[in-house]
Structures are given as structure tokens and as C-alpha cells.
Amino acid sequence: QAEGVHVIFGVSGLKVHSKMFLITRKDGDKIERFASIGTGNYNESTSKLYTDYHLLTADKAITTEVESVFDFLQRNYKVNKYRHLFVSPHYTRKAFIRLIENEIENAKKGSPSGITLKLNSLCDVKIIEKLYEASSYGVKIRMIIRGICSLVPGVKGLSENIEAISILDRFLEHSRVMVFENGGDPKYFISSADWMPRNLDYRVEVTVPIFDDVIKRQLRDHLDIIWKDNVKSRWHNEEQDNAYRVIKGPKIRSQYALYDYVKNQLKRGR
């Protein structure tokens, strides 16, 4: 403020946990906007230790809605509507419930269905109940949950179509990614929010869809590599014994494998 920066203090009683910025540039008579929405903080210390994703985009469909989020933070009596972003505390819970219900309907019809989740924590009762329901209708669910996982996978009659693992390694797994098969046209999201009551109902959080096919493929590759980890991955299970996964084949330490993947992508210029 002393240097002339306009500081917004947010909404009383709501922690701002979203991670985003919006740059507005005037080029002649044109106004251009660039937005970043991600899963981790802009922090020079934690960025050396945490694994996160950020989307940098000039897509007007996204930048316009990011501007609306900042508008809410500045004038918090005004609750905006969003077509693409899921914004807590107003819309995130309902949006993810609808996506899970869509997978249930696809499974009932025999259409491609499935859910892949990567979160820090999962302990929201209503979301867990909906995931159990999805499992009961045959929706295959893969979950990579680093920390708290109140859902119990692999229980016959309850969650036999759900598998859940945790990765604890050199870097802190901090990214949140959600993939819904959507009848063969998968929907991809990255988010600042874990599936906990505080993130869904009591904080400002932002989830952004991924539209770019190249980024979608990269996220799918990343999730597949993580799922194949047989060095640092442990099962979430009914016994709560944190047993290491035993998978035959070459040793795959996912954080190192992801480093090699990204390095090769950069060498190829993609």
C-alpha cells in the first residue's frame, strides 16, 4: 500500500486458498488478459519442495471468470455466476457432485465411465457417499490421496471398484487433479481445493477446466506414471496398515520418472 499497490483484504471469515493471478495489458485500443490458476502457492520456498500445476492462459472464457473472482474478493456482497470455473464456497461442491452423478448415469447406460482423483486429503462425508454410490454402479475409481483418506476402498458391497494409494517421497505431492471419463470425452480439472468441508464450504477456492488436448494428454501421462509407482506408493485400505504396493516389473519411482518425462518433453520442444 505504501508503494501505491491496491491491497484487497478478502472476505471476512473466509480464508482465500485459491492460487491465481490476472494480468491486464493495454495494446493500443485492445485490452488483453492473461490468467494463471493453479494448485500451489507462488512461494519461493515451498516451490522447491512441493509438486504443483499451474495453467497459464489467455482464453477469454477463463480470464473473464478469474476477473469475476477478484471482483468477489473486492466486493464480497456480490456473488457472481460462472460457466467454467468452480468457485468455493458457492459452487464447488455442487459441481463435483454433478460430475460424479454423470459418471453414475454413464455406467448405468453402459457408456464409458470412470474417475481419477489426485488430492491431498479426502474426508468430506457427502462426497465420499457419492463415490461409494458410483462404485456400487460399477464406476471404476482411482485415487491418489497423499494424506487423510476417510473413504475405505476395496470393501465388497461398498467400494470394490475403488482403489486408493498414497505417494510419500522426496517432494510433497501437493497438486489436485480430477478426471471424469464423461462417456468417452474425458473432462480434466486442476484445483486449489481438497475434498474436505473446509475447502468446499468455508474457503475461497478455484477449480479450472483444462481445454487444451496437449495438456490433457500430459496430465493423463502424469497420472498413469504416478499410478504405476512401485517404490514409494502405499495402499489406503481397510486395515490402515500403510502397506507398500507390490507390483511386478521394473521399479518405477514416480517422482523421478515424472522428472525424466518432463525433461524429454522439453528436449522435444513440446
Protein backbone atom coordinates (compact mmCIF):
# COMPACT_ATOMS: atom_id res chain seq x y z
CA GLN A 1 0.00 0.00 0.00
CA ALA A 2 2.84 2.39 0.82
CA GLU A 3 4.08 1.96 -2.76
CA GLY A 4 0.64 2.54 -4.28
CA VAL A 5 -0.44 -1.10 -4.59
CA HIS A 6 -4.17 -1.70 -4.13
CA VAL A 7 -4.38 -4.46 -1.50
CA ILE A 8 -7.62 -6.44 -1.23
CA PHE A 9 -8.16 -7.98 2.18
CA GLY A 10 -10.75 -10.52 1.01
CA VAL A 11 -13.89 -11.72 2.73
CA SER A 12 -14.26 -11.70 6.49
CA GLY A 13 -14.40 -15.27 7.80
CA LEU A 14 -13.29 -16.87 4.51
CA LYS A 15 -9.69 -17.92 4.05
CA VAL A 16 -8.54 -17.26 0.49
CA HIS A 17 -6.87 -20.52 -0.55
CA SER A 18 -7.14 -20.11 -4.34
CA LYS A 19 -3.92 -19.62 -6.29
CA MET A 20 -4.29 -17.27 -9.25
CA PHE A 21 -3.21 -14.05 -10.85
CA LEU A 22 -4.62 -11.87 -13.61
CA ILE A 23 -2.52 -9.59 -15.81
CA THR A 24 -4.30 -6.91 -17.84
CA ARG A 25 -2.40 -5.28 -20.69
CA LYS A 26 -3.49 -2.49 -22.98
CA ASP A 27 -2.14 -2.74 -26.52
CA GLY A 28 -3.37 0.27 -28.42
CA ASP A 29 -7.14 0.08 -28.28
CA LYS A 30 -7.09 -3.60 -27.31
CA ILE A 31 -7.29 -4.98 -23.79
CA GLU A 32 -5.53 -8.33 -23.29
CA ARG A 33 -5.75 -10.50 -20.19
CA PHE A 34 -3.56 -13.37 -19.04
CA ALA A 35 -4.50 -15.57 -16.10
CA SER A 36 -2.81 -18.24 -14.04
CA ILE A 37 -4.86 -20.67 -11.97
CA GLY A 38 -3.14 -23.42 -10.05
CA THR A 39 -2.85 -25.86 -7.21
CA GLY A 40 0.06 -24.31 -5.29
CA ASN A 41 1.23 -21.01 -3.89
CA TYR A 42 3.59 -18.54 -5.55
CA ASN A 43 6.17 -19.15 -2.86
CA GLU A 44 9.91 -19.33 -3.48
CA SER A 45 10.45 -21.66 -0.51
CA THR A 46 7.67 -24.23 -0.95
CA SER A 47 8.08 -24.28 -4.74
CA LYS A 48 11.38 -26.10 -4.19
CA LEU A 49 9.66 -28.83 -2.17
CA TYR A 50 6.07 -29.10 -3.42
CA THR A 51 4.79 -30.57 -6.69
CA ASP A 52 2.07 -28.43 -8.25
CA TYR A 53 0.41 -27.43 -11.51
CA HIS A 54 -0.48 -24.01 -12.89
CA LEU A 55 -2.42 -23.20 -16.02
CA LEU A 56 -1.32 -20.02 -17.82
CA THR A 57 -3.96 -18.94 -20.32
CA ALA A 58 -5.24 -16.05 -22.41
CA ASP A 59 -8.56 -17.81 -23.08
CA LYS A 60 -11.22 -15.13 -22.59
CA ALA A 61 -13.66 -17.71 -21.25
CA ILE A 62 -11.28 -18.25 -18.31
CA THR A 63 -9.76 -14.79 -17.85
CA THR A 64 -13.20 -13.18 -17.67
CA GLU A 65 -14.20 -15.51 -14.86
CA VAL A 66 -10.92 -15.04 -12.99
CA GLU A 67 -11.68 -11.33 -13.08
CA SER A 68 -15.08 -12.14 -11.53
CA VAL A 69 -13.38 -13.99 -8.66
CA PHE A 70 -11.25 -10.95 -7.89
CA ASP A 71 -14.40 -8.84 -8.12
CA PHE A 72 -15.99 -11.04 -5.44
CA LEU A 73 -12.95 -10.63 -3.21
CA GLN A 74 -13.17 -6.87 -3.58
CA ARG A 75 -16.96 -6.55 -3.38
CA ASN A 76 -17.93 -9.64 -1.42
CA TYR A 77 -21.61 -8.80 -1.27
CA LYS A 78 -21.73 -9.72 -4.97
CA VAL A 79 -21.82 -13.48 -5.75
CA ASN A 80 -21.01 -13.95 -9.42
CA LYS A 81 -22.06 -16.81 -11.65
CA TYR A 82 -19.51 -18.93 -13.50
CA ARG A 83 -19.76 -21.14 -16.54
CA HIS A 84 -16.31 -22.75 -16.41
CA LEU A 85 -14.68 -22.19 -13.01
CA PHE A 86 -15.83 -23.96 -9.83
CA VAL A 87 -15.55 -21.40 -7.05
CA SER A 88 -15.85 -22.16 -3.33
CA PRO A 89 -17.73 -21.59 -1.14
CA HIS A 90 -20.63 -21.20 -3.58
CA TYR A 91 -20.36 -23.77 -6.37
CA THR A 92 -17.55 -26.31 -5.97
CA ARG A 93 -19.41 -28.98 -4.01
CA LYS A 94 -22.43 -28.98 -6.33
CA ALA A 95 -20.25 -29.06 -9.42
CA PHE A 96 -18.27 -32.14 -8.34
CA ILE A 97 -21.42 -33.92 -7.15
CA ARG A 98 -22.94 -33.39 -10.61
CA LEU A 99 -19.81 -34.75 -12.29
CA ILE A 100 -19.87 -37.89 -10.13
CA GLU A 101 -23.60 -38.33 -10.82
CA ASN A 102 -22.87 -38.06 -14.54
CA GLU A 103 -20.40 -40.96 -14.25
CA ILE A 104 -23.09 -42.98 -12.45
CA GLU A 105 -25.56 -42.34 -15.28
CA ASN A 106 -22.95 -43.31 -17.88
CA ALA A 107 -22.24 -46.56 -16.03
CA LYS A 108 -25.96 -47.36 -15.93
CA LYS A 109 -26.19 -46.86 -19.71
CA GLY A 110 -23.07 -48.89 -20.40
CA SER A 111 -21.16 -45.83 -21.62
CA PRO A 112 -17.51 -45.29 -20.68
CA SER A 113 -17.26 -44.18 -17.07
CA GLY A 114 -14.51 -43.68 -14.53
CA ILE A 115 -12.94 -41.20 -12.15
CA THR A 116 -9.28 -40.46 -11.42
CA LEU A 117 -8.50 -38.21 -8.46
CA LYS A 118 -5.28 -36.77 -7.09
CA LEU A 119 -5.77 -34.93 -3.81
CA ASN A 120 -4.01 -34.08 -0.59
CA SER A 121 -6.98 -35.13 1.53
CA LEU A 122 -10.44 -36.65 1.17
CA CYS A 123 -12.74 -36.52 4.19
CA ASP A 124 -15.99 -34.90 3.08
CA VAL A 125 -18.82 -37.27 4.03
CA LYS A 126 -21.25 -36.28 1.27
CA ILE A 127 -18.63 -36.60 -1.44
CA ILE A 128 -17.48 -39.96 -0.05
CA GLU A 129 -21.06 -41.26 0.00
CA LYS A 130 -21.45 -40.22 -3.64
CA LEU A 131 -18.20 -42.03 -4.56
CA TYR A 132 -19.47 -45.16 -2.79
CA GLU A 133 -22.67 -44.87 -4.83
CA ALA A 134 -20.65 -44.56 -8.03
CA SER A 135 -18.66 -47.67 -7.11
CA SER A 136 -21.88 -49.61 -6.50
CA TYR A 137 -22.95 -48.89 -10.08
CA GLY A 138 -19.63 -50.07 -11.49
CA VAL A 139 -17.74 -46.80 -11.91
CA LYS A 140 -14.01 -47.55 -11.65
CA ILE A 141 -12.31 -45.00 -9.40
CA ARG A 142 -8.55 -44.48 -8.98
CA MET A 143 -7.47 -42.19 -6.17
CA ILE A 144 -4.04 -40.82 -5.31
CA ILE A 145 -4.51 -39.33 -1.84
CA ARG A 146 -1.33 -38.24 -0.08
CA GLY A 147 -2.80 -37.55 3.36
CA ILE A 148 -6.18 -38.04 5.00
CA CYS A 149 -8.41 -40.57 3.24
CA SER A 150 -11.64 -41.24 5.12
CA LEU A 151 -13.01 -43.33 2.26
CA VAL A 152 -12.34 -47.05 2.70
CA PRO A 153 -11.51 -48.65 -0.68
CA GLY A 154 -11.93 -52.26 -1.76
CA VAL A 155 -14.77 -53.24 0.58
CA LYS A 156 -17.17 -55.72 -1.03
CA GLY A 157 -20.62 -54.30 -1.47
CA LEU A 158 -19.41 -50.79 -0.72
CA SER A 159 -16.27 -49.78 -2.57
CA GLU A 160 -14.93 -52.76 -4.52
CA ASN A 161 -14.47 -50.58 -7.61
CA ILE A 162 -12.30 -48.05 -5.78
CA GLU A 163 -8.52 -48.22 -5.37
CA ALA A 164 -6.54 -45.63 -3.44
CA ILE A 165 -2.82 -45.09 -2.96
CA SER A 166 -0.54 -42.56 -1.29
CA ILE A 167 2.84 -41.35 -2.55
CA LEU A 168 5.34 -40.12 0.05
CA ASP A 169 8.71 -39.26 -1.43
CA ARG A 170 11.35 -36.56 -1.77
CA PHE A 171 8.86 -33.86 -2.79
CA LEU A 172 5.47 -33.13 -1.24
CA GLU A 173 2.64 -34.24 -3.52
CA HIS A 174 0.52 -31.09 -3.45
CA SER A 175 -1.34 -30.94 -6.77
CA ARG A 176 -5.06 -31.62 -7.08
CA VAL A 177 -6.24 -33.15 -10.36
CA MET A 178 -9.63 -34.58 -11.26
CA VAL A 179 -10.51 -36.57 -14.39
CA PHE A 180 -14.03 -37.74 -15.28
CA GLU A 181 -14.38 -40.12 -18.25
CA ASN A 182 -17.65 -38.48 -19.33
CA GLY A 183 -18.84 -41.15 -21.75
CA GLY A 184 -15.57 -41.24 -23.68
CA ASP A 185 -14.90 -37.48 -23.78
CA PRO A 186 -12.90 -37.01 -20.56
CA LYS A 187 -13.10 -33.81 -18.54
CA TYR A 188 -9.94 -32.62 -16.80
CA PHE A 189 -9.63 -30.18 -13.92
CA ILE A 190 -6.91 -28.82 -11.64
CA SER A 191 -7.85 -27.23 -8.34
CA SER A 192 -6.66 -25.47 -5.21
CA ALA A 193 -9.27 -27.42 -3.22
CA ASP A 194 -9.06 -30.74 -1.46
CA TRP A 195 -12.32 -32.60 -0.90
CA MET A 196 -12.76 -31.52 2.69
CA PRO A 197 -15.67 -29.50 4.20
CA ARG A 198 -13.39 -26.53 4.86
CA ASN A 199 -12.26 -26.34 1.22
CA LEU A 200 -15.69 -26.88 -0.28
CA ASP A 201 -17.76 -24.71 2.06
CA TYR A 202 -15.60 -22.34 4.09
CA ARG A 203 -12.79 -21.09 1.86
CA VAL A 204 -12.31 -19.28 -1.41
CA GLU A 205 -11.07 -21.97 -3.81
CA VAL A 206 -10.90 -22.15 -7.59
CA THR A 207 -11.06 -25.19 -9.86
CA VAL A 208 -10.30 -24.69 -13.56
CA PRO A 209 -11.12 -26.99 -16.50
CA ILE A 210 -8.39 -27.94 -18.95
CA PHE A 211 -9.44 -27.47 -22.58
CA ASP A 212 -6.12 -27.96 -24.39
CA ASP A 213 -5.71 -31.51 -25.73
CA VAL A 214 -1.91 -31.49 -25.33
CA ILE A 215 -2.18 -30.54 -21.65
CA LYS A 216 -4.89 -33.17 -21.15
CA ARG A 217 -2.59 -35.83 -22.59
CA GLN A 218 0.27 -34.67 -20.38
CA LEU A 219 -1.91 -34.83 -17.27
CA ARG A 220 -3.11 -38.31 -18.24
CA ASP A 221 0.50 -39.42 -18.73
CA HIS A 222 1.49 -37.94 -15.36
CA LEU A 223 -1.36 -39.70 -13.55
CA ASP A 224 -0.56 -43.01 -15.26
CA ILE A 225 3.10 -42.74 -14.23
CA ILE A 226 2.13 -41.97 -10.63
CA TRP A 227 -0.28 -44.91 -10.58
CA LYS A 228 2.49 -47.28 -11.69
CA ASP A 229 4.77 -46.29 -8.79
CA ASN A 230 6.01 -49.44 -7.06
CA VAL A 231 8.75 -47.88 -4.94
CA LYS A 232 7.14 -45.13 -2.86
CA SER A 233 3.43 -45.92 -3.14
CA ARG A 234 1.34 -47.38 -0.33
CA TRP A 235 -2.22 -48.67 -0.21
CA HIS A 236 -5.07 -46.92 1.51
CA ASN A 237 -7.09 -49.89 2.75
CA GLU A 238 -9.47 -51.15 5.41
CA GLU A 239 -6.57 -52.39 7.57
CA GLN A 240 -4.93 -48.93 7.57
CA ASP A 241 -1.53 -50.64 7.63
CA ASN A 242 0.15 -48.37 5.03
CA ALA A 243 1.43 -51.42 3.20
CA TYR A 244 3.75 -50.80 0.27
CA ARG A 245 2.28 -51.79 -3.07
CA VAL A 246 3.87 -54.84 -4.63
CA ILE A 247 3.76 -54.64 -8.42
CA LYS A 248 5.81 -56.92 -10.65
CA GLY A 249 8.02 -55.40 -13.28
CA PRO A 250 10.69 -52.70 -13.44
CA LYS A 251 10.99 -50.36 -10.48
CA ILE A 252 9.14 -47.10 -11.07
CA ARG A 253 9.70 -44.24 -8.64
CA SER A 254 7.11 -41.85 -9.97
CA GLN A 255 8.67 -38.53 -8.95
CA TYR A 256 11.90 -39.44 -10.72
CA ALA A 257 10.01 -40.89 -13.69
CA LEU A 258 8.00 -37.68 -14.00
CA TYR A 259 11.21 -35.64 -13.97
CA ASP A 260 12.51 -37.74 -16.88
CA TYR A 261 9.17 -37.40 -18.68
CA VAL A 262 9.16 -33.60 -18.42
CA LYS A 263 12.85 -33.38 -19.38
CA ASN A 264 12.21 -35.44 -22.51
CA GLN A 265 9.20 -33.27 -23.38
CA LEU A 266 11.35 -30.15 -23.12
CA LYS A 267 14.07 -31.68 -25.30
CA ARG A 268 11.46 -32.43 -27.95
CA GLY A 269 10.11 -28.90 -27.66
CA ARG A 270 6.62 -29.92 -26.51
